PDB file of N, CA and C in Angstrom:
ATOM      1  N   MET A   1       0.815  -1.130   0.005  1.00  0.00           N
ATOM      2  CA  MET A   1      -0.018   0.040   0.015  1.00  0.00           C
ATOM      3  C   MET A   1       0.860   1.258  -0.021  1.00  0.00           C
ATOM      4  N   GLY A   2       0.671   2.211  -0.883  1.00  0.00           N
ATOM      5  CA  GLY A   2       1.429   3.407  -0.923  1.00  0.00           C
ATOM      6  C   GLY A   2       1.170   4.341   0.227  1.00  0.00           C
ATOM      7  N   ALA A   3       1.901   5.489   0.268  1.00  0.00           N
ATOM      8  CA  ALA A   3       1.860   6.450   1.389  1.00  0.00           C
ATOM      9  C   ALA A   3       0.429   7.009   1.433  1.00  0.00           C
ATOM     10  N   ILE A   4      -0.166   7.316   0.297  1.00  0.00           N
ATOM     11  CA  ILE A   4      -1.509   7.856   0.288  1.00  0.00           C
ATOM     12  C   ILE A   4      -2.466   6.900   0.889  1.00  0.00           C
ATOM     13  N   GLY A   5      -2.402   5.641   0.482  1.00  0.00           N
ATOM     14  CA  GLY A   5      -3.356   4.645   1.006  1.00  0.00           C
ATOM     15  C   GLY A   5      -3.188   4.511   2.505  1.00  0.00           C
ATOM     16  N   MET A   6      -1.875   4.430   3.042  1.00  0.00           N
ATOM     17  CA  MET A   6      -1.699   4.226   4.453  1.00  0.00           C
ATOM     18  C   MET A   6      -2.252   5.467   5.162  1.00  0.00           C
ATOM     19  N   LYS A   7      -2.042   6.664   4.659  1.00  0.00           N
ATOM     20  CA  LYS A   7      -2.558   7.860   5.299  1.00  0.00           C
ATOM     21  C   LYS A   7      -4.146   7.817   5.316  1.00  0.00           C
ATOM     22  N   ALA A   8      -4.738   7.390   4.263  1.00  0.00           N
ATOM     23  CA  ALA A   8      -6.229   7.392   4.263  1.00  0.00           C
ATOM     24  C   ALA A   8      -6.747   6.329   5.325  1.00  0.00           C
ATOM     25  N   THR A   9      -6.016   5.177   5.416  1.00  0.00           N
ATOM     26  CA  THR A   9      -6.390   4.188   6.354  1.00  0.00           C
ATOM     27  C   THR A   9      -6.284   4.713   7.749  1.00  0.00           C
ATOM     28  N   SER A  10      -5.179   5.392   7.985  1.00  0.00           N
ATOM     29  CA  SER A  10      -4.926   5.937   9.360  1.00  0.00           C
ATOM     30  C   SER A  10      -6.012   6.998   9.717  1.00  0.00           C
ATOM     31  N   ILE A  11      -6.437   7.808   8.767  1.00  0.00           N
ATOM     32  CA  ILE A  11      -7.546   8.738   8.952  1.00  0.00           C
ATOM     33  C   ILE A  11      -8.893   8.041   9.370  1.00  0.00           C
ATOM     34  N   LEU A  12      -9.126   7.019   8.564  1.00  0.00           N
ATOM     35  CA  LEU A  12     -10.342   6.241   8.791  1.00  0.00           C
ATOM     36  C   LEU A  12     -10.399   5.493  10.148  1.00  0.00           C
ATOM     37  N   THR A  13      -9.240   4.857  10.497  1.00  0.00           N
ATOM     38  CA  THR A  13      -9.210   4.187  11.715  1.00  0.00           C
ATOM     39  C   THR A  13      -9.195   5.175  12.883  1.00  0.00           C
ATOM     40  N   ASP A  14      -8.652   6.303  12.838  1.00  0.00           N
ATOM     41  CA  ASP A  14      -8.684   7.312  13.861  1.00  0.00           C
ATOM     42  C   ASP A  14     -10.144   7.746  14.012  1.00  0.00           C
ATOM     43  N   SER A  15     -10.820   7.978  12.996  1.00  0.00           N
ATOM     44  CA  SER A  15     -12.241   8.423  12.898  1.00  0.00           C
ATOM     45  C   SER A  15     -13.086   7.392  13.616  1.00  0.00           C
ATOM     46  N   LEU A  16     -12.913   6.102  13.182  1.00  0.00           N
ATOM     47  CA  LEU A  16     -13.676   5.026  13.814  1.00  0.00           C
ATOM     48  C   LEU A  16     -13.414   4.893  15.291  1.00  0.00           C
ATOM     49  N   GLY A  17     -12.193   5.067  15.676  1.00  0.00           N
ATOM     50  CA  GLY A  17     -11.810   4.890  17.162  1.00  0.00           C
ATOM     51  C   GLY A  17     -12.500   6.033  17.893  1.00  0.00           C
ATOM     52  N   ARG A  18     -12.556   7.263  17.337  1.00  0.00           N
ATOM     53  CA  ARG A  18     -13.107   8.372  18.099  1.00  0.00           C
ATOM     54  C   ARG A  18     -14.704   8.143  18.189  1.00  0.00           C
ATOM     55  N   ALA A  19     -15.251   7.588  17.117  1.00  0.00           N
ATOM     56  CA  ALA A  19     -16.749   7.167  17.248  1.00  0.00           C
ATOM     57  C   ALA A  19     -16.995   6.179  18.213  1.00  0.00           C
ATOM     58  N   ILE A  20     -16.209   5.196  18.316  1.00  0.00           N
ATOM     59  CA  ILE A  20     -16.391   4.109  19.323  1.00  0.00           C
ATOM     60  C   ILE A  20     -16.229   4.672  20.736  1.00  0.00           C
ATOM     61  N   ARG A  21     -15.130   5.413  20.908  1.00  0.00           N
ATOM     62  CA  ARG A  21     -14.844   6.025  22.260  1.00  0.00           C
ATOM     63  C   ARG A  21     -16.003   6.840  22.745  1.00  0.00           C
ATOM     64  N   ASN A  22     -16.443   7.736  21.851  1.00  0.00           N
ATOM     65  CA  ASN A  22     -17.544   8.701  22.250  1.00  0.00           C
ATOM     66  C   ASN A  22     -18.819   7.988  22.534  1.00  0.00           C
ATOM     67  N   ARG A  23     -19.177   6.975  21.752  1.00  0.00           N
ATOM     68  CA  ARG A  23     -20.446   6.140  22.078  1.00  0.00           C
ATOM     69  C   ARG A  23     -20.171   5.405  23.454  1.00  0.00           C
ATOM     70  N   ARG A  24     -19.040   4.776  23.616  1.00  0.00           N
ATOM     71  CA  ARG A  24     -18.746   4.106  24.892  1.00  0.00           C
ATOM     72  C   ARG A  24     -18.917   5.015  26.120  1.00  0.00           C
ATOM     73  N   ARG A  25     -18.355   6.153  25.964  1.00  0.00           N
ATOM     74  CA  ARG A  25     -18.422   7.186  27.131  1.00  0.00           C
ATOM     75  C   ARG A  25     -19.877   7.565  27.356  1.00  0.00           C
ATOM     76  N   THR A  26     -20.618   7.886  26.198  1.00  0.00           N
ATOM     77  CA  THR A  26     -22.011   8.161  26.371  1.00  0.00           C
ATOM     78  C   THR A  26     -22.811   7.222  27.064  1.00  0.00           C
ATOM     79  N   LEU A  27     -22.463   5.866  26.855  1.00  0.00           N
ATOM     80  CA  LEU A  27     -23.119   4.748  27.574  1.00  0.00           C
ATOM     81  C   LEU A  27     -22.642   4.554  28.976  1.00  0.00           C
ATOM     82  N   GLY A  28     -21.498   5.261  29.327  1.00  0.00           N
ATOM     83  CA  GLY A  28     -20.918   5.080  30.601  1.00  0.00           C
ATOM     84  C   GLY A  28     -20.210   3.723  30.725  1.00  0.00           C
ATOM     85  N   LEU A  29     -19.710   3.216  29.618  1.00  0.00           N
ATOM     86  CA  LEU A  29     -18.961   1.927  29.770  1.00  0.00           C
ATOM     87  C   LEU A  29     -17.496   2.047  29.845  1.00  0.00           C
ATOM     88  N   SER A  30     -16.855   1.238  30.622  1.00  0.00           N
ATOM     89  CA  SER A  30     -15.408   1.234  30.570  1.00  0.00           C
ATOM     90  C   SER A  30     -14.857   0.458  29.326  1.00  0.00           C
ATOM     91  N   GLN A  31     -13.652   0.619  29.060  1.00  0.00           N
ATOM     92  CA  GLN A  31     -13.092  -0.213  27.917  1.00  0.00           C
ATOM     93  C   GLN A  31     -13.267  -1.701  28.237  1.00  0.00           C
ATOM     94  N   GLU A  32     -13.083  -2.046  29.423  1.00  0.00           N
ATOM     95  CA  GLU A  32     -13.092  -3.457  29.849  1.00  0.00           C
ATOM     96  C   GLU A  32     -14.513  -3.979  29.607  1.00  0.00           C
ATOM     97  N   GLU A  33     -15.525  -3.195  30.028  1.00  0.00           N
ATOM     98  CA  GLU A  33     -16.929  -3.596  29.782  1.00  0.00           C
ATOM     99  C   GLU A  33     -17.288  -3.742  28.354  1.00  0.00           C
ATOM    100  N   LEU A  34     -16.809  -2.805  27.525  1.00  0.00           N
ATOM    101  CA  LEU A  34     -17.129  -2.808  26.050  1.00  0.00           C
ATOM    102  C   LEU A  34     -16.380  -4.070  25.552  1.00  0.00           C
ATOM    103  N   ALA A  35     -15.180  -4.329  25.884  1.00  0.00           N
ATOM    104  CA  ALA A  35     -14.461  -5.523  25.342  1.00  0.00           C
ATOM    105  C   ALA A  35     -15.183  -6.832  25.793  1.00  0.00           C
ATOM    106  N   TRP A  36     -15.652  -6.842  27.001  1.00  0.00           N
ATOM    107  CA  TRP A  36     -16.367  -8.088  27.484  1.00  0.00           C
ATOM    108  C   TRP A  36     -17.597  -8.306  26.639  1.00  0.00           C
ATOM    109  N   ARG A  37     -18.432  -7.218  26.473  1.00  0.00           N
ATOM    110  CA  ARG A  37     -19.671  -7.262  25.686  1.00  0.00           C
ATOM    111  C   ARG A  37     -19.440  -7.686  24.312  1.00  0.00           C
ATOM    112  N   GLY A  38     -18.304  -7.286  23.737  1.00  0.00           N
ATOM    113  CA  GLY A  38     -18.055  -7.549  22.260  1.00  0.00           C
ATOM    114  C   GLY A  38     -17.133  -8.882  22.109  1.00  0.00           C
ATOM    115  N   GLY A  39     -16.791  -9.442  23.237  1.00  0.00           N
ATOM    116  CA  GLY A  39     -15.960 -10.644  23.153  1.00  0.00           C
ATOM    117  C   GLY A  39     -14.552 -10.417  22.572  1.00  0.00           C
ATOM    118  N   LEU A  40     -14.038  -9.237  22.986  1.00  0.00           N
ATOM    119  CA  LEU A  40     -12.677  -8.782  22.597  1.00  0.00           C
ATOM    120  C   LEU A  40     -11.817  -8.615  23.783  1.00  0.00           C
ATOM    121  N   ASN A  41     -10.481  -8.513  23.524  1.00  0.00           N
ATOM    122  CA  ASN A  41      -9.522  -8.208  24.492  1.00  0.00           C
ATOM    123  C   ASN A  41      -9.592  -6.593  24.785  1.00  0.00           C
ATOM    124  N   ARG A  42      -9.474  -6.246  26.173  1.00  0.00           N
ATOM    125  CA  ARG A  42      -9.544  -4.847  26.405  1.00  0.00           C
ATOM    126  C   ARG A  42      -8.363  -4.011  25.706  1.00  0.00           C
ATOM    127  N   SER A  43      -7.156  -4.604  25.632  1.00  0.00           N
ATOM    128  CA  SER A  43      -6.073  -3.863  24.987  1.00  0.00           C
ATOM    129  C   SER A  43      -6.444  -3.709  23.514  1.00  0.00           C
ATOM    130  N   TYR A  44      -7.116  -4.647  22.902  1.00  0.00           N
ATOM    131  CA  TYR A  44      -7.501  -4.463  21.405  1.00  0.00           C
ATOM    132  C   TYR A  44      -8.392  -3.341  21.283  1.00  0.00           C
ATOM    133  N   VAL A  45      -9.392  -3.247  22.196  1.00  0.00           N
ATOM    134  CA  VAL A  45     -10.340  -2.204  22.166  1.00  0.00           C
ATOM    135  C   VAL A  45      -9.662  -0.775  22.295  1.00  0.00           C
ATOM    136  N   THR A  46      -8.685  -0.772  23.267  1.00  0.00           N
ATOM    137  CA  THR A  46      -7.788   0.372  23.434  1.00  0.00           C
ATOM    138  C   THR A  46      -7.159   0.809  22.272  1.00  0.00           C
ATOM    139  N   ASP A  47      -6.559  -0.124  21.544  1.00  0.00           N
ATOM    140  CA  ASP A  47      -5.797   0.194  20.265  1.00  0.00           C
ATOM    141  C   ASP A  47      -6.855   0.620  19.143  1.00  0.00           C
ATOM    142  N   ILE A  48      -8.007   0.039  19.132  1.00  0.00           N
ATOM    143  CA  ILE A  48      -9.044   0.592  18.152  1.00  0.00           C
ATOM    144  C   ILE A  48      -9.353   1.959  18.445  1.00  0.00           C
ATOM    145  N   GLU A  49      -9.630   2.282  19.641  1.00  0.00           N
ATOM    146  CA  GLU A  49     -10.006   3.645  20.006  1.00  0.00           C
ATOM    147  C   GLU A  49      -8.922   4.658  19.747  1.00  0.00           C
ATOM    148  N   ARG A  50      -7.649   4.205  19.825  1.00  0.00           N
ATOM    149  CA  ARG A  50      -6.571   5.117  19.585  1.00  0.00           C
ATOM    150  C   ARG A  50      -6.265   5.182  18.080  1.00  0.00           C
ATOM    151  N   GLY A  51      -6.928   4.353  17.305  1.00  0.00           N
ATOM    152  CA  GLY A  51      -6.694   4.331  15.824  1.00  0.00           C
ATOM    153  C   GLY A  51      -5.395   3.545  15.375  1.00  0.00           C
ATOM    154  N   ALA A  52      -4.912   2.726  16.367  1.00  0.00           N
ATOM    155  CA  ALA A  52      -3.702   1.978  16.135  1.00  0.00           C
ATOM    156  C   ALA A  52      -4.023   0.653  15.451  1.00  0.00           C
ATOM    157  N   ARG A  53      -5.317   0.264  15.385  1.00  0.00           N
ATOM    158  CA  ARG A  53      -5.646  -1.041  14.693  1.00  0.00           C
ATOM    159  C   ARG A  53      -6.672  -0.721  13.628  1.00  0.00           C
ATOM    160  N   ASN A  54      -6.666  -1.602  12.669  1.00  0.00           N
ATOM    161  CA  ASN A  54      -7.640  -1.504  11.488  1.00  0.00           C
ATOM    162  C   ASN A  54      -8.541  -2.819  11.701  1.00  0.00           C
ATOM    163  N   PRO A  55      -9.599  -2.669  12.481  1.00  0.00           N
ATOM    164  CA  PRO A  55     -10.455  -3.894  12.775  1.00  0.00           C
ATOM    165  C   PRO A  55     -11.208  -4.327  11.498  1.00  0.00           C
ATOM    166  N   SER A  56     -11.473  -5.630  11.545  1.00  0.00           N
ATOM    167  CA  SER A  56     -12.272  -6.163  10.499  1.00  0.00           C
ATOM    168  C   SER A  56     -13.647  -5.733  10.603  1.00  0.00           C
ATOM    169  N   LEU A  57     -14.432  -5.915   9.478  1.00  0.00           N
ATOM    170  CA  LEU A  57     -15.828  -5.620   9.602  1.00  0.00           C
ATOM    171  C   LEU A  57     -16.642  -6.352  10.601  1.00  0.00           C
ATOM    172  N   LYS A  58     -16.250  -7.725  10.787  1.00  0.00           N
ATOM    173  CA  LYS A  58     -16.830  -8.534  11.804  1.00  0.00           C
ATOM    174  C   LYS A  58     -16.549  -7.867  13.162  1.00  0.00           C
ATOM    175  N   THR A  59     -15.424  -7.435  13.400  1.00  0.00           N
ATOM    176  CA  THR A  59     -15.077  -6.844  14.729  1.00  0.00           C
ATOM    177  C   THR A  59     -15.906  -5.523  14.935  1.00  0.00           C
ATOM    178  N   ILE A  60     -16.023  -4.701  13.883  1.00  0.00           N
ATOM    179  CA  ILE A  60     -16.778  -3.437  13.954  1.00  0.00           C
ATOM    180  C   ILE A  60     -18.227  -3.794  14.302  1.00  0.00           C
ATOM    181  N   ALA A  61     -18.717  -4.820  13.652  1.00  0.00           N
ATOM    182  CA  ALA A  61     -20.132  -5.180  13.858  1.00  0.00           C
ATOM    183  C   ALA A  61     -20.296  -5.644  15.274  1.00  0.00           C
ATOM    184  N   ARG A  62     -19.336  -6.410  15.823  1.00  0.00           N
ATOM    185  CA  ARG A  62     -19.491  -6.852  17.276  1.00  0.00           C
ATOM    186  C   ARG A  62     -19.395  -5.667  18.198  1.00  0.00           C
ATOM    187  N   LEU A  63     -18.558  -4.665  17.906  1.00  0.00           N
ATOM    188  CA  LEU A  63     -18.451  -3.473  18.686  1.00  0.00           C
ATOM    189  C   LEU A  63     -19.844  -2.646  18.565  1.00  0.00           C
ATOM    190  N   ALA A  64     -20.361  -2.475  17.393  1.00  0.00           N
ATOM    191  CA  ALA A  64     -21.617  -1.820  17.246  1.00  0.00           C
ATOM    192  C   ALA A  64     -22.737  -2.464  18.101  1.00  0.00           C
ATOM    193  N   GLU A  65     -22.815  -3.831  18.038  1.00  0.00           N
ATOM    194  CA  GLU A  65     -23.796  -4.466  18.881  1.00  0.00           C
ATOM    195  C   GLU A  65     -23.605  -4.233  20.353  1.00  0.00           C
ATOM    196  N   ALA A  66     -22.366  -4.298  20.790  1.00  0.00           N
ATOM    197  CA  ALA A  66     -21.946  -3.989  22.122  1.00  0.00           C
ATOM    198  C   ALA A  66     -22.274  -2.541  22.590  1.00  0.00           C
ATOM    199  N   LEU A  67     -22.204  -1.702  21.604  1.00  0.00           N
ATOM    200  CA  LEU A  67     -22.533  -0.203  21.775  1.00  0.00           C
ATOM    201  C   LEU A  67     -24.014   0.032  21.708  1.00  0.00           C
ATOM    202  N   GLN A  68     -24.837  -1.023  21.443  1.00  0.00           N
ATOM    203  CA  GLN A  68     -26.244  -0.988  21.278  1.00  0.00           C
ATOM    204  C   GLN A  68     -26.579   0.051  20.192  1.00  0.00           C
ATOM    205  N   MET A  69     -25.973  -0.168  19.012  1.00  0.00           N
ATOM    206  CA  MET A  69     -26.379   0.634  17.779  1.00  0.00           C
ATOM    207  C   MET A  69     -26.236  -0.206  16.603  1.00  0.00           C
ATOM    208  N   PRO A  70     -26.932   0.033  15.551  1.00  0.00           N
ATOM    209  CA  PRO A  70     -26.787  -0.574  14.249  1.00  0.00           C
ATOM    210  C   PRO A  70     -25.353  -0.306  13.646  1.00  0.00           C
ATOM    211  N   LEU A  71     -24.879  -1.317  12.965  1.00  0.00           N
ATOM    212  CA  LEU A  71     -23.574  -1.047  12.264  1.00  0.00           C
ATOM    213  C   LEU A  71     -23.509   0.199  11.431  1.00  0.00           C
ATOM    214  N   TYR A  72     -24.564   0.414  10.631  1.00  0.00           N
ATOM    215  CA  TYR A  72     -24.525   1.572   9.747  1.00  0.00           C
ATOM    216  C   TYR A  72     -24.487   2.799  10.568  1.00  0.00           C
ATOM    217  N   ALA A  73     -25.053   2.913  11.768  1.00  0.00           N
ATOM    218  CA  ALA A  73     -25.057   4.169  12.661  1.00  0.00           C
ATOM    219  C   ALA A  73     -23.670   4.344  13.097  1.00  0.00           C
ATOM    220  N   LEU A  74     -22.936   3.356  13.490  1.00  0.00           N
ATOM    221  CA  LEU A  74     -21.489   3.517  13.933  1.00  0.00           C
ATOM    222  C   LEU A  74     -20.658   3.952  12.816  1.00  0.00           C
ATOM    223  N   LEU A  75     -20.797   3.381  11.688  1.00  0.00           N
ATOM    224  CA  LEU A  75     -20.043   3.878  10.480  1.00  0.00           C
ATOM    225  C   LEU A  75     -20.399   5.280  10.044  1.00  0.00           C
ATOM    226  N   ARG A  76     -21.604   5.672  10.227  1.00  0.00           N
ATOM    227  CA  ARG A  76     -22.040   7.012   9.931  1.00  0.00           C
ATOM    228  C   ARG A  76     -21.324   7.975  10.871  1.00  0.00           C
ATOM    229  N   GLU A  77     -21.338   7.556  12.199  1.00  0.00           N
ATOM    230  CA  GLU A  77     -20.590   8.455  13.227  1.00  0.00           C
ATOM    231  C   GLU A  77     -19.167   8.595  12.939  1.00  0.00           C
ATOM    232  N   ALA A  78     -18.594   7.487  12.521  1.00  0.00           N
ATOM    233  CA  ALA A  78     -17.089   7.539  12.071  1.00  0.00           C
ATOM    234  C   ALA A  78     -16.903   8.497  10.902  1.00  0.00           C
ATOM    235  N   GLU A  79     -17.873   8.414   9.927  1.00  0.00           N
ATOM    236  CA  GLU A  79     -17.773   9.333   8.782  1.00  0.00           C
ATOM    237  C   GLU A  79     -17.801  10.763   9.210  1.00  0.00           C
ATOM    238  N   GLN A  80     -18.799  11.030  10.084  1.00  0.00           N
ATOM    239  CA  GLN A  80     -18.956  12.438  10.574  1.00  0.00           C
ATOM    240  C   GLN A  80     -17.811  12.994  11.390  1.00  0.00           C
ATOM    241  N   LYS A  81     -16.965  12.075  11.901  1.00  0.00           N
ATOM    242  CA  LYS A  81     -15.726  12.443  12.635  1.00  0.00           C
ATOM    243  C   LYS A  81     -14.529  12.606  11.773  1.00  0.00           C
ATOM    244  N   LEU A  82     -14.675  12.355  10.425  1.00  0.00           N
ATOM    245  CA  LEU A  82     -13.581  12.542   9.580  1.00  0.00           C
ATOM    246  C   LEU A  82     -13.286  14.023   9.434  1.00  0.00           C
ATOM    247  N   PRO A  83     -11.978  14.442   9.240  1.00  0.00           N
ATOM    248  CA  PRO A  83     -11.709  15.765   9.050  1.00  0.00           C
ATOM    249  C   PRO A  83     -12.450  16.349   7.720  1.00  0.00           C
ATOM    250  N   GLU A  84     -12.843  17.524   7.722  1.00  0.00           N
ATOM    251  CA  GLU A  84     -13.705  18.064   6.803  1.00  0.00           C
ATOM    252  C   GLU A  84     -13.151  17.763   5.395  1.00  0.00           C
ATOM    253  N   SER A  85     -11.829  17.968   5.260  1.00  0.00           N
ATOM    254  CA  SER A  85     -11.143  17.812   3.972  1.00  0.00           C
ATOM    255  C   SER A  85     -11.270  16.388   3.455  1.00  0.00           C
ATOM    256  N   ASN A  86     -11.452  15.413   4.366  1.00  0.00           N
ATOM    257  CA  ASN A  86     -11.450  14.044   3.863  1.00  0.00           C
ATOM    258  C   ASN A  86     -12.833  13.454   3.620  1.00  0.00           C
ATOM    259  N   ARG A  87     -13.861  14.176   3.993  1.00  0.00           N
ATOM    260  CA  ARG A  87     -15.280  13.628   3.893  1.00  0.00           C
ATOM    261  C   ARG A  87     -15.641  13.265   2.482  1.00  0.00           C
ATOM    262  N   ASP A  88     -15.258  14.212   1.509  1.00  0.00           N
ATOM    263  CA  ASP A  88     -15.596  13.983   0.194  1.00  0.00           C
ATOM    264  C   ASP A  88     -14.893  12.770  -0.451  1.00  0.00           C
ATOM    265  N   ASN A  89     -13.703  12.367   0.191  1.00  0.00           N
ATOM    266  CA  ASN A  89     -12.984  11.288  -0.393  1.00  0.00           C
ATOM    267  C   ASN A  89     -13.170   9.996   0.372  1.00  0.00           C
ATOM    268  N   ALA A  90     -14.116   9.985   1.348  1.00  0.00           N
ATOM    269  CA  ALA A  90     -14.316   8.782   2.112  1.00  0.00           C
ATOM    270  C   ALA A  90     -14.928   7.697   1.225  1.00  0.00           C
ATOM    271  N   PRO A  91     -14.546   6.478   1.454  1.00  0.00           N
ATOM    272  CA  PRO A  91     -15.070   5.397   0.674  1.00  0.00           C
ATOM    273  C   PRO A  91     -16.560   5.240   0.917  1.00  0.00           C
ATOM    274  N   ARG A  92     -17.272   4.946  -0.133  1.00  0.00           N
ATOM    275  CA  ARG A  92     -18.749   4.882  -0.013  1.00  0.00           C
ATOM    276  C   ARG A  92     -19.215   3.540  -0.356  1.00  0.00           C
TER     277      ARG A  92
END
């Protein structure tokens, strides 16, 4: 993957991580509780929230369920957290 592709992936994973963290905090959940609900390791959830991991669609769906929201809503939240300059270039 070229530098542009890696940068785009980083922007997307950062945005997804912020959306997950915000929803988790809104629900008053700890990272440990979210991880337990999603059947994931707490350190993995931490890495996802930091944008340090690129989770699979299956993992994102498990997190959405654990966050009590439809998958499309979580992805929409992540898209809304993209920097303004990247929204037009977000994958559709």
